[in-house]
Amino acid sequence: MAGDTGTNPKFSNDEGVEKIRIGVSEFECMGAKSPNDHPHIFLDMGHDGEIICPYCSTVYVKDAGLKADESVPASAYRHEENAN
């Protein structure tokens, strides 16, 4: 879903915020940057527009105004983990 690579975008919650707004409904949550990450888990919001990661309890909210590589906070999108 994340464009030409065929991979899902990855997001983390290094800041420890309660909610992260993202521009996609299918993605991977990694908890935090390595070495503090949890298993990188695929999450799919479906039509709900919101999902809670079962590992780190971060609430992800779909924001149609954001692109696939954008998030609020901006640091949640993992650029280096999405690179091939």
PDB file of N, CA and C in Angstrom:
ATOM      1  N   MET A   1       0.803  -1.196   0.000  1.00  0.00           N
ATOM      2  CA  MET A   1       0.000   0.000   0.000  1.00  0.00           C
ATOM      3  C   MET A   1       0.847   1.261   0.000  1.00  0.00           C
ATOM      4  N   ALA A   2       2.068   1.163   0.422  1.00  0.00           N
ATOM      5  CA  ALA A   2       2.910   2.342   0.573  1.00  0.00           C
ATOM      6  C   ALA A   2       3.621   2.725  -0.710  1.00  0.00           C
ATOM      7  N   GLY A   3       2.952   2.695  -1.796  1.00  0.00           N
ATOM      8  CA  GLY A   3       3.535   3.171  -3.035  1.00  0.00           C
ATOM      9  C   GLY A   3       4.177   2.079  -3.858  1.00  0.00           C
ATOM     10  N   ASP A   4       5.314   2.404  -4.465  1.00  0.00           N
ATOM     11  CA  ASP A   4       5.929   1.522  -5.445  1.00  0.00           C
ATOM     12  C   ASP A   4       6.646   0.315  -4.853  1.00  0.00           C
ATOM     13  N   THR A   5       6.997   0.328  -3.586  1.00  0.00           N
ATOM     14  CA  THR A   5       7.807  -0.738  -3.015  1.00  0.00           C
ATOM     15  C   THR A   5       7.005  -1.986  -2.702  1.00  0.00           C
ATOM     16  N   GLY A   6       5.702  -1.884  -2.560  1.00  0.00           N
ATOM     17  CA  GLY A   6       4.892  -3.035  -2.206  1.00  0.00           C
ATOM     18  C   GLY A   6       4.967  -3.372  -0.731  1.00  0.00           C
ATOM     19  N   THR A   7       5.606  -2.523   0.050  1.00  0.00           N
ATOM     20  CA  THR A   7       5.715  -2.755   1.486  1.00  0.00           C
ATOM     21  C   THR A   7       4.785  -1.814   2.231  1.00  0.00           C
ATOM     22  N   ASN A   8       4.521  -2.160   3.465  1.00  0.00           N
ATOM     23  CA  ASN A   8       3.689  -1.304   4.308  1.00  0.00           C
ATOM     24  C   ASN A   8       4.574  -0.316   5.050  1.00  0.00           C
ATOM     25  N   PRO A   9       4.139   0.924   5.193  1.00  0.00           N
ATOM     26  CA  PRO A   9       4.929   1.892   5.944  1.00  0.00           C
ATOM     27  C   PRO A   9       5.034   1.469   7.405  1.00  0.00           C
ATOM     28  N   LYS A  10       6.144   1.871   8.041  1.00  0.00           N
ATOM     29  CA  LYS A  10       6.366   1.544   9.448  1.00  0.00           C
ATOM     30  C   LYS A  10       6.302   2.811  10.285  1.00  0.00           C
ATOM     31  N   PHE A  11       5.727   2.655  11.469  1.00  0.00           N
ATOM     32  CA  PHE A  11       5.608   3.761  12.406  1.00  0.00           C
ATOM     33  C   PHE A  11       6.067   3.301  13.783  1.00  0.00           C
ATOM     34  N   SER A  12       6.593   4.238  14.564  1.00  0.00           N
ATOM     35  CA  SER A  12       7.002   3.946  15.934  1.00  0.00           C
ATOM     36  C   SER A  12       6.525   5.069  16.847  1.00  0.00           C
ATOM     37  N   ASN A  13       6.594   4.806  18.139  1.00  0.00           N
ATOM     38  CA  ASN A  13       6.124   5.784  19.116  1.00  0.00           C
ATOM     39  C   ASN A  13       7.227   6.079  20.123  1.00  0.00           C
ATOM     40  N   ASP A  14       8.345   6.598  19.634  1.00  0.00           N
ATOM     41  CA  ASP A  14       9.470   6.920  20.508  1.00  0.00           C
ATOM     42  C   ASP A  14       9.143   8.038  21.491  1.00  0.00           C
ATOM     43  N   GLU A  15       8.212   8.899  21.143  1.00  0.00           N
ATOM     44  CA  GLU A  15       7.840  10.012  22.022  1.00  0.00           C
ATOM     45  C   GLU A  15       6.861   9.592  23.111  1.00  0.00           C
ATOM     46  N   GLY A  16       6.279   8.410  22.992  1.00  0.00           N
ATOM     47  CA  GLY A  16       5.345   7.928  24.013  1.00  0.00           C
ATOM     48  C   GLY A  16       4.015   8.662  24.025  1.00  0.00           C
ATOM     49  N   VAL A  17       3.572   9.140  22.861  1.00  0.00           N
ATOM     50  CA  VAL A  17       2.285   9.836  22.793  1.00  0.00           C
ATOM     51  C   VAL A  17       1.143   8.821  22.814  1.00  0.00           C
ATOM     52  N   GLU A  18      -0.039   9.263  23.204  1.00  0.00           N
ATOM     53  CA  GLU A  18      -1.195   8.372  23.275  1.00  0.00           C
ATOM     54  C   GLU A  18      -1.728   8.021  21.892  1.00  0.00           C
ATOM     55  N   LYS A  19      -1.785   9.020  20.986  1.00  0.00           N
ATOM     56  CA  LYS A  19      -2.334   8.816  19.645  1.00  0.00           C
ATOM     57  C   LYS A  19      -1.361   9.307  18.589  1.00  0.00           C
ATOM     58  N   ILE A  20      -1.334   8.573  17.476  1.00  0.00           N
ATOM     59  CA  ILE A  20      -0.550   8.969  16.312  1.00  0.00           C
ATOM     60  C   ILE A  20      -1.490   9.008  15.116  1.00  0.00           C
ATOM     61  N   ARG A  21      -1.510  10.137  14.424  1.00  0.00           N
ATOM     62  CA  ARG A  21      -2.318  10.268  13.207  1.00  0.00           C
ATOM     63  C   ARG A  21      -1.458   9.892  12.016  1.00  0.00           C
ATOM     64  N   ILE A  22      -1.995   9.034  11.139  1.00  0.00           N
ATOM     65  CA  ILE A  22      -1.253   8.574   9.967  1.00  0.00           C
ATOM     66  C   ILE A  22      -2.149   8.640   8.733  1.00  0.00           C
ATOM     67  N   GLY A  23      -1.527   8.600   7.555  1.00  0.00           N
ATOM     68  CA  GLY A  23      -2.278   8.738   6.311  1.00  0.00           C
ATOM     69  C   GLY A  23      -2.640   7.431   5.639  1.00  0.00           C
ATOM     70  N   VAL A  24      -2.420   6.305   6.303  1.00  0.00           N
ATOM     71  CA  VAL A  24      -2.729   4.991   5.730  1.00  0.00           C
ATOM     72  C   VAL A  24      -3.548   4.179   6.721  1.00  0.00           C
ATOM     73  N   SER A  25      -4.217   3.153   6.225  1.00  0.00           N
ATOM     74  CA  SER A  25      -4.971   2.282   7.131  1.00  0.00           C
ATOM     75  C   SER A  25      -4.292   0.930   7.315  1.00  0.00           C
ATOM     76  N   GLU A  26      -3.296   0.595   6.483  1.00  0.00           N
ATOM     77  CA  GLU A  26      -2.520  -0.637   6.617  1.00  0.00           C
ATOM     78  C   GLU A  26      -1.059  -0.255   6.812  1.00  0.00           C
ATOM     79  N   PHE A  27      -0.444  -0.769   7.878  1.00  0.00           N
ATOM     80  CA  PHE A  27       0.911  -0.354   8.228  1.00  0.00           C
ATOM     81  C   PHE A  27       1.516  -1.332   9.226  1.00  0.00           C
ATOM     82  N   GLU A  28       2.773  -1.084   9.601  1.00  0.00           N
ATOM     83  CA  GLU A  28       3.435  -1.860  10.639  1.00  0.00           C
ATOM     84  C   GLU A  28       3.766  -0.951  11.806  1.00  0.00           C
ATOM     85  N   CYS A  29       3.479  -1.435  13.004  1.00  0.00           N
ATOM     86  CA  CYS A  29       3.892  -0.745  14.225  1.00  0.00           C
ATOM     87  C   CYS A  29       5.109  -1.483  14.759  1.00  0.00           C
ATOM     88  N   MET A  30       6.133  -0.728  15.126  1.00  0.00           N
ATOM     89  CA  MET A  30       7.341  -1.330  15.679  1.00  0.00           C
ATOM     90  C   MET A  30       7.586  -0.889  17.115  1.00  0.00           C
ATOM     91  N   GLY A  31       6.655  -0.152  17.699  1.00  0.00           N
ATOM     92  CA  GLY A  31       6.773   0.276  19.089  1.00  0.00           C
ATOM     93  C   GLY A  31       7.701   1.450  19.252  1.00  0.00           C
ATOM     94  N   ALA A  32       9.005   1.192  19.189  1.00  0.00           N
ATOM     95  CA  ALA A  32      10.030   2.219  19.303  1.00  0.00           C
ATOM     96  C   ALA A  32      11.194   1.807  18.411  1.00  0.00           C
ATOM     97  N   LYS A  33      12.157   2.709  18.259  1.00  0.00           N
ATOM     98  CA  LYS A  33      13.337   2.364  17.471  1.00  0.00           C
ATOM     99  C   LYS A  33      14.122   1.262  18.174  1.00  0.00           C
ATOM    100  N   SER A  34      14.809   0.450  17.397  1.00  0.00           N
ATOM    101  CA  SER A  34      15.683  -0.595  17.927  1.00  0.00           C
ATOM    102  C   SER A  34      16.740   0.047  18.828  1.00  0.00           C
ATOM    103  N   PRO A  35      17.075  -0.539  19.929  1.00  0.00           N
ATOM    104  CA  PRO A  35      16.786  -1.893  20.390  1.00  0.00           C
ATOM    105  C   PRO A  35      15.541  -1.991  21.268  1.00  0.00           C
ATOM    106  N   ASN A  36      14.765  -0.933  21.356  1.00  0.00           N
ATOM    107  CA  ASN A  36      13.584  -0.930  22.230  1.00  0.00           C
ATOM    108  C   ASN A  36      12.291  -1.267  21.497  1.00  0.00           C
ATOM    109  N   ASP A  37      12.406  -1.799  20.293  1.00  0.00           N
ATOM    110  CA  ASP A  37      11.213  -2.102  19.506  1.00  0.00           C
ATOM    111  C   ASP A  37      10.548  -3.393  19.978  1.00  0.00           C
ATOM    112  N   HIS A  38       9.275  -3.527  19.626  1.00  0.00           N
ATOM    113  CA  HIS A  38       8.575  -4.791  19.855  1.00  0.00           C
ATOM    114  C   HIS A  38       8.478  -5.499  18.506  1.00  0.00           C
ATOM    115  N   PRO A  39       7.961  -6.724  18.437  1.00  0.00           N
ATOM    116  CA  PRO A  39       7.818  -7.360  17.123  1.00  0.00           C
ATOM    117  C   PRO A  39       7.079  -6.431  16.157  1.00  0.00           C
ATOM    118  N   HIS A  40       7.601  -6.295  14.965  1.00  0.00           N
ATOM    119  CA  HIS A  40       6.992  -5.412  13.963  1.00  0.00           C
ATOM    120  C   HIS A  40       5.718  -6.078  13.474  1.00  0.00           C
ATOM    121  N   ILE A  41       4.587  -5.520  13.879  1.00  0.00           N
ATOM    122  CA  ILE A  41       3.289  -6.151  13.652  1.00  0.00           C
ATOM    123  C   ILE A  41       2.492  -5.397  12.593  1.00  0.00           C
ATOM    124  N   PHE A  42       1.904  -6.139  11.661  1.00  0.00           N
ATOM    125  CA  PHE A  42       1.044  -5.563  10.637  1.00  0.00           C
ATOM    126  C   PHE A  42      -0.311  -5.252  11.259  1.00  0.00           C
ATOM    127  N   LEU A  43      -0.788  -4.040  11.037  1.00  0.00           N
ATOM    128  CA  LEU A  43      -2.101  -3.624  11.532  1.00  0.00           C
ATOM    129  C   LEU A  43      -2.933  -3.096  10.370  1.00  0.00           C
ATOM    130  N   ASP A  44      -4.212  -3.393  10.396  1.00  0.00           N
ATOM    131  CA  ASP A  44      -5.147  -2.955   9.359  1.00  0.00           C
ATOM    132  C   ASP A  44      -6.365  -2.357  10.045  1.00  0.00           C
ATOM    133  N   MET A  45      -6.567  -1.057   9.882  1.00  0.00           N
ATOM    134  CA  MET A  45      -7.704  -0.375  10.502  1.00  0.00           C
ATOM    135  C   MET A  45      -9.034  -0.751   9.866  1.00  0.00           C
ATOM    136  N   GLY A  46      -8.992  -1.252   8.633  1.00  0.00           N
ATOM    137  CA  GLY A  46     -10.241  -1.510   7.926  1.00  0.00           C
ATOM    138  C   GLY A  46     -11.002  -0.208   7.746  1.00  0.00           C
ATOM    139  N   HIS A  47     -12.305  -0.245   7.962  1.00  0.00           N
ATOM    140  CA  HIS A  47     -13.135   0.952   7.808  1.00  0.00           C
ATOM    141  C   HIS A  47     -13.293   1.716   9.114  1.00  0.00           C
ATOM    142  N   ASP A  48     -12.704   1.207  10.198  1.00  0.00           N
ATOM    143  CA  ASP A  48     -12.869   1.834  11.509  1.00  0.00           C
ATOM    144  C   ASP A  48     -12.172   3.183  11.628  1.00  0.00           C
ATOM    145  N   GLY A  49     -11.035   3.330  10.961  1.00  0.00           N
ATOM    146  CA  GLY A  49     -10.303   4.588  11.034  1.00  0.00           C
ATOM    147  C   GLY A  49      -9.480   4.745  12.291  1.00  0.00           C
ATOM    148  N   GLU A  50      -9.392   3.679  13.099  1.00  0.00           N
ATOM    149  CA  GLU A  50      -8.626   3.736  14.337  1.00  0.00           C
ATOM    150  C   GLU A  50      -8.296   2.314  14.764  1.00  0.00           C
ATOM    151  N   ILE A  51      -7.096   2.129  15.320  1.00  0.00           N
ATOM    152  CA  ILE A  51      -6.704   0.808  15.819  1.00  0.00           C
ATOM    153  C   ILE A  51      -5.699   0.982  16.949  1.00  0.00           C
ATOM    154  N   ILE A  52      -5.698   0.061  17.887  1.00  0.00           N
ATOM    155  CA  ILE A  52      -4.762   0.067  19.009  1.00  0.00           C
ATOM    156  C   ILE A  52      -3.764  -1.065  18.808  1.00  0.00           C
ATOM    157  N   CYS A  53      -2.476  -0.761  18.893  1.00  0.00           N
ATOM    158  CA  CYS A  53      -1.457  -1.795  18.785  1.00  0.00           C
ATOM    159  C   CYS A  53      -1.533  -2.688  20.024  1.00  0.00           C
ATOM    160  N   PRO A  54      -1.640  -4.010  19.836  1.00  0.00           N
ATOM    161  CA  PRO A  54      -1.749  -4.907  20.987  1.00  0.00           C
ATOM    162  C   PRO A  54      -0.460  -5.031  21.795  1.00  0.00           C
ATOM    163  N   TYR A  55       0.676  -4.600  21.253  1.00  0.00           N
ATOM    164  CA  TYR A  55       1.940  -4.672  21.984  1.00  0.00           C
ATOM    165  C   TYR A  55       2.213  -3.425  22.813  1.00  0.00           C
ATOM    166  N   CYS A  56       2.091  -2.240  22.196  1.00  0.00           N
ATOM    167  CA  CYS A  56       2.492  -1.009  22.889  1.00  0.00           C
ATOM    168  C   CYS A  56       1.323  -0.109  23.261  1.00  0.00           C
ATOM    169  N   SER A  57       0.118  -0.486  22.866  1.00  0.00           N
ATOM    170  CA  SER A  57      -1.114   0.252  23.180  1.00  0.00           C
ATOM    171  C   SER A  57      -1.192   1.635  22.543  1.00  0.00           C
ATOM    172  N   THR A  58      -0.363   1.904  21.550  1.00  0.00           N
ATOM    173  CA  THR A  58      -0.470   3.159  20.816  1.00  0.00           C
ATOM    174  C   THR A  58      -1.756   3.146  20.001  1.00  0.00           C
ATOM    175  N   VAL A  59      -2.487   4.249  20.045  1.00  0.00           N
ATOM    176  CA  VAL A  59      -3.698   4.396  19.246  1.00  0.00           C
ATOM    177  C   VAL A  59      -3.304   5.070  17.934  1.00  0.00           C
ATOM    178  N   TYR A  60      -3.595   4.406  16.824  1.00  0.00           N
ATOM    179  CA  TYR A  60      -3.350   4.967  15.498  1.00  0.00           C
ATOM    180  C   TYR A  60      -4.675   5.408  14.905  1.00  0.00           C
ATOM    181  N   VAL A  61      -4.698   6.636  14.379  1.00  0.00           N
ATOM    182  CA  VAL A  61      -5.909   7.217  13.806  1.00  0.00           C
ATOM    183  C   VAL A  61      -5.633   7.602  12.356  1.00  0.00           C
ATOM    184  N   LYS A  62      -6.492   7.151  11.453  1.00  0.00           N
ATOM    185  CA  LYS A  62      -6.355   7.494  10.030  1.00  0.00           C
ATOM    186  C   LYS A  62      -6.753   8.946   9.827  1.00  0.00           C
ATOM    187  N   ASP A  63      -5.868   9.691   9.151  1.00  0.00           N
ATOM    188  CA  ASP A  63      -6.108  11.094   8.832  1.00  0.00           C
ATOM    189  C   ASP A  63      -5.999  11.241   7.318  1.00  0.00           C
ATOM    190  N   ALA A  64      -7.118  11.413   6.643  1.00  0.00           N
ATOM    191  CA  ALA A  64      -7.144  11.491   5.179  1.00  0.00           C
ATOM    192  C   ALA A  64      -6.346  12.675   4.643  1.00  0.00           C
ATOM    193  N   GLY A  65      -6.036  13.637   5.482  1.00  0.00           N
ATOM    194  CA  GLY A  65      -5.256  14.791   5.063  1.00  0.00           C
ATOM    195  C   GLY A  65      -3.757  14.541   5.040  1.00  0.00           C
ATOM    196  N   LEU A  66      -3.327  13.358   5.485  1.00  0.00           N
ATOM    197  CA  LEU A  66      -1.906  13.023   5.509  1.00  0.00           C
ATOM    198  C   LEU A  66      -1.571  12.047   4.381  1.00  0.00           C
ATOM    199  N   LYS A  67      -0.349  12.135   3.871  1.00  0.00           N
ATOM    200  CA  LYS A  67       0.139  11.195   2.859  1.00  0.00           C
ATOM    201  C   LYS A  67       0.635   9.923   3.550  1.00  0.00           C
ATOM    202  N   ALA A  68       0.939   8.887   2.758  1.00  0.00           N
ATOM    203  CA  ALA A  68       1.386   7.602   3.306  1.00  0.00           C
ATOM    204  C   ALA A  68       2.676   7.720   4.108  1.00  0.00           C
ATOM    205  N   ASP A  69       3.501   8.711   3.788  1.00  0.00           N
ATOM    206  CA  ASP A  69       4.763   8.876   4.502  1.00  0.00           C
ATOM    207  C   ASP A  69       4.729  10.057   5.477  1.00  0.00           C
ATOM    208  N   GLU A  70       3.545  10.372   5.973  1.00  0.00           N
ATOM    209  CA  GLU A  70       3.388  11.456   6.943  1.00  0.00           C
ATOM    210  C   GLU A  70       2.687  10.944   8.191  1.00  0.00           C
ATOM    211  N   SER A  71       2.992  11.592   9.298  1.00  0.00           N
ATOM    212  CA  SER A  71       2.347  11.260  10.568  1.00  0.00           C
ATOM    213  C   SER A  71       2.389  12.474  11.477  1.00  0.00           C
ATOM    214  N   VAL A  72       1.548  12.460  12.485  1.00  0.00           N
ATOM    215  CA  VAL A  72       1.556  13.478  13.539  1.00  0.00           C
ATOM    216  C   VAL A  72       1.600  12.728  14.860  1.00  0.00           C
ATOM    217  N   PRO A  73       2.718  12.787  15.587  1.00  0.00           N
ATOM    218  CA  PRO A  73       3.907  13.588  15.309  1.00  0.00           C
ATOM    219  C   PRO A  73       4.699  13.054  14.109  1.00  0.00           C
ATOM    220  N   ALA A  74       5.418  13.970  13.452  1.00  0.00           N
ATOM    221  CA  ALA A  74       6.155  13.618  12.233  1.00  0.00           C
ATOM    222  C   ALA A  74       7.224  12.564  12.479  1.00  0.00           C
ATOM    223  N   SER A  75       7.771  12.510  13.681  1.00  0.00           N
ATOM    224  CA  SER A  75       8.838  11.553  13.998  1.00  0.00           C
ATOM    225  C   SER A  75       8.357  10.108  14.046  1.00  0.00           C
ATOM    226  N   ALA A  76       7.059   9.876  14.028  1.00  0.00           N
ATOM    227  CA  ALA A  76       6.535   8.508  14.111  1.00  0.00           C
ATOM    228  C   ALA A  76       6.769   7.718  12.831  1.00  0.00           C
ATOM    229  N   TYR A  77       6.847   8.391  11.692  1.00  0.00           N
ATOM    230  CA  TYR A  77       7.104   7.687  10.428  1.00  0.00           C
ATOM    231  C   TYR A  77       8.567   7.296  10.388  1.00  0.00           C
ATOM    232  N   ARG A  78       8.841   6.021  10.150  1.00  0.00           N
ATOM    233  CA  ARG A  78      10.208   5.496  10.166  1.00  0.00           C
ATOM    234  C   ARG A  78      10.786   5.485   8.762  1.00  0.00           C
ATOM    235  N   HIS A  79      11.445   6.554   8.366  1.00  0.00           N
ATOM    236  CA  HIS A  79      12.019   6.675   7.019  1.00  0.00           C
ATOM    237  C   HIS A  79      13.031   5.575   6.727  1.00  0.00           C
ATOM    238  N   GLU A  80      13.989   5.367   7.625  1.00  0.00           N
ATOM    239  CA  GLU A  80      15.061   4.411   7.357  1.00  0.00           C
ATOM    240  C   GLU A  80      14.561   2.968   7.309  1.00  0.00           C
ATOM    241  N   GLU A  81      13.555   2.618   8.093  1.00  0.00           N
ATOM    242  CA  GLU A  81      13.022   1.264   8.074  1.00  0.00           C
ATOM    243  C   GLU A  81      12.195   1.002   6.821  1.00  0.00           C
ATOM    244  N   ASN A  82      11.697   2.047   6.171  1.00  0.00           N
ATOM    245  CA  ASN A  82      10.895   1.892   4.962  1.00  0.00           C
ATOM    246  C   ASN A  82      11.750   1.866   3.700  1.00  0.00           C
ATOM    247  N   ALA A  83      13.023   2.216   3.820  1.00  0.00           N
ATOM    248  CA  ALA A  83      13.906   2.243   2.653  1.00  0.00           C
ATOM    249  C   ALA A  83      14.304   0.821   2.268  1.00  0.00           C
ATOM    250  N   ASN A  84      14.418   0.584   0.983  1.00  0.00           N
ATOM    251  CA  ASN A  84      14.871  -0.734   0.501  1.00  0.00           C
ATOM    252  C   ASN A  84      16.318  -0.671   0.087  1.00  0.00           C
TER     253      ASN A  84
END
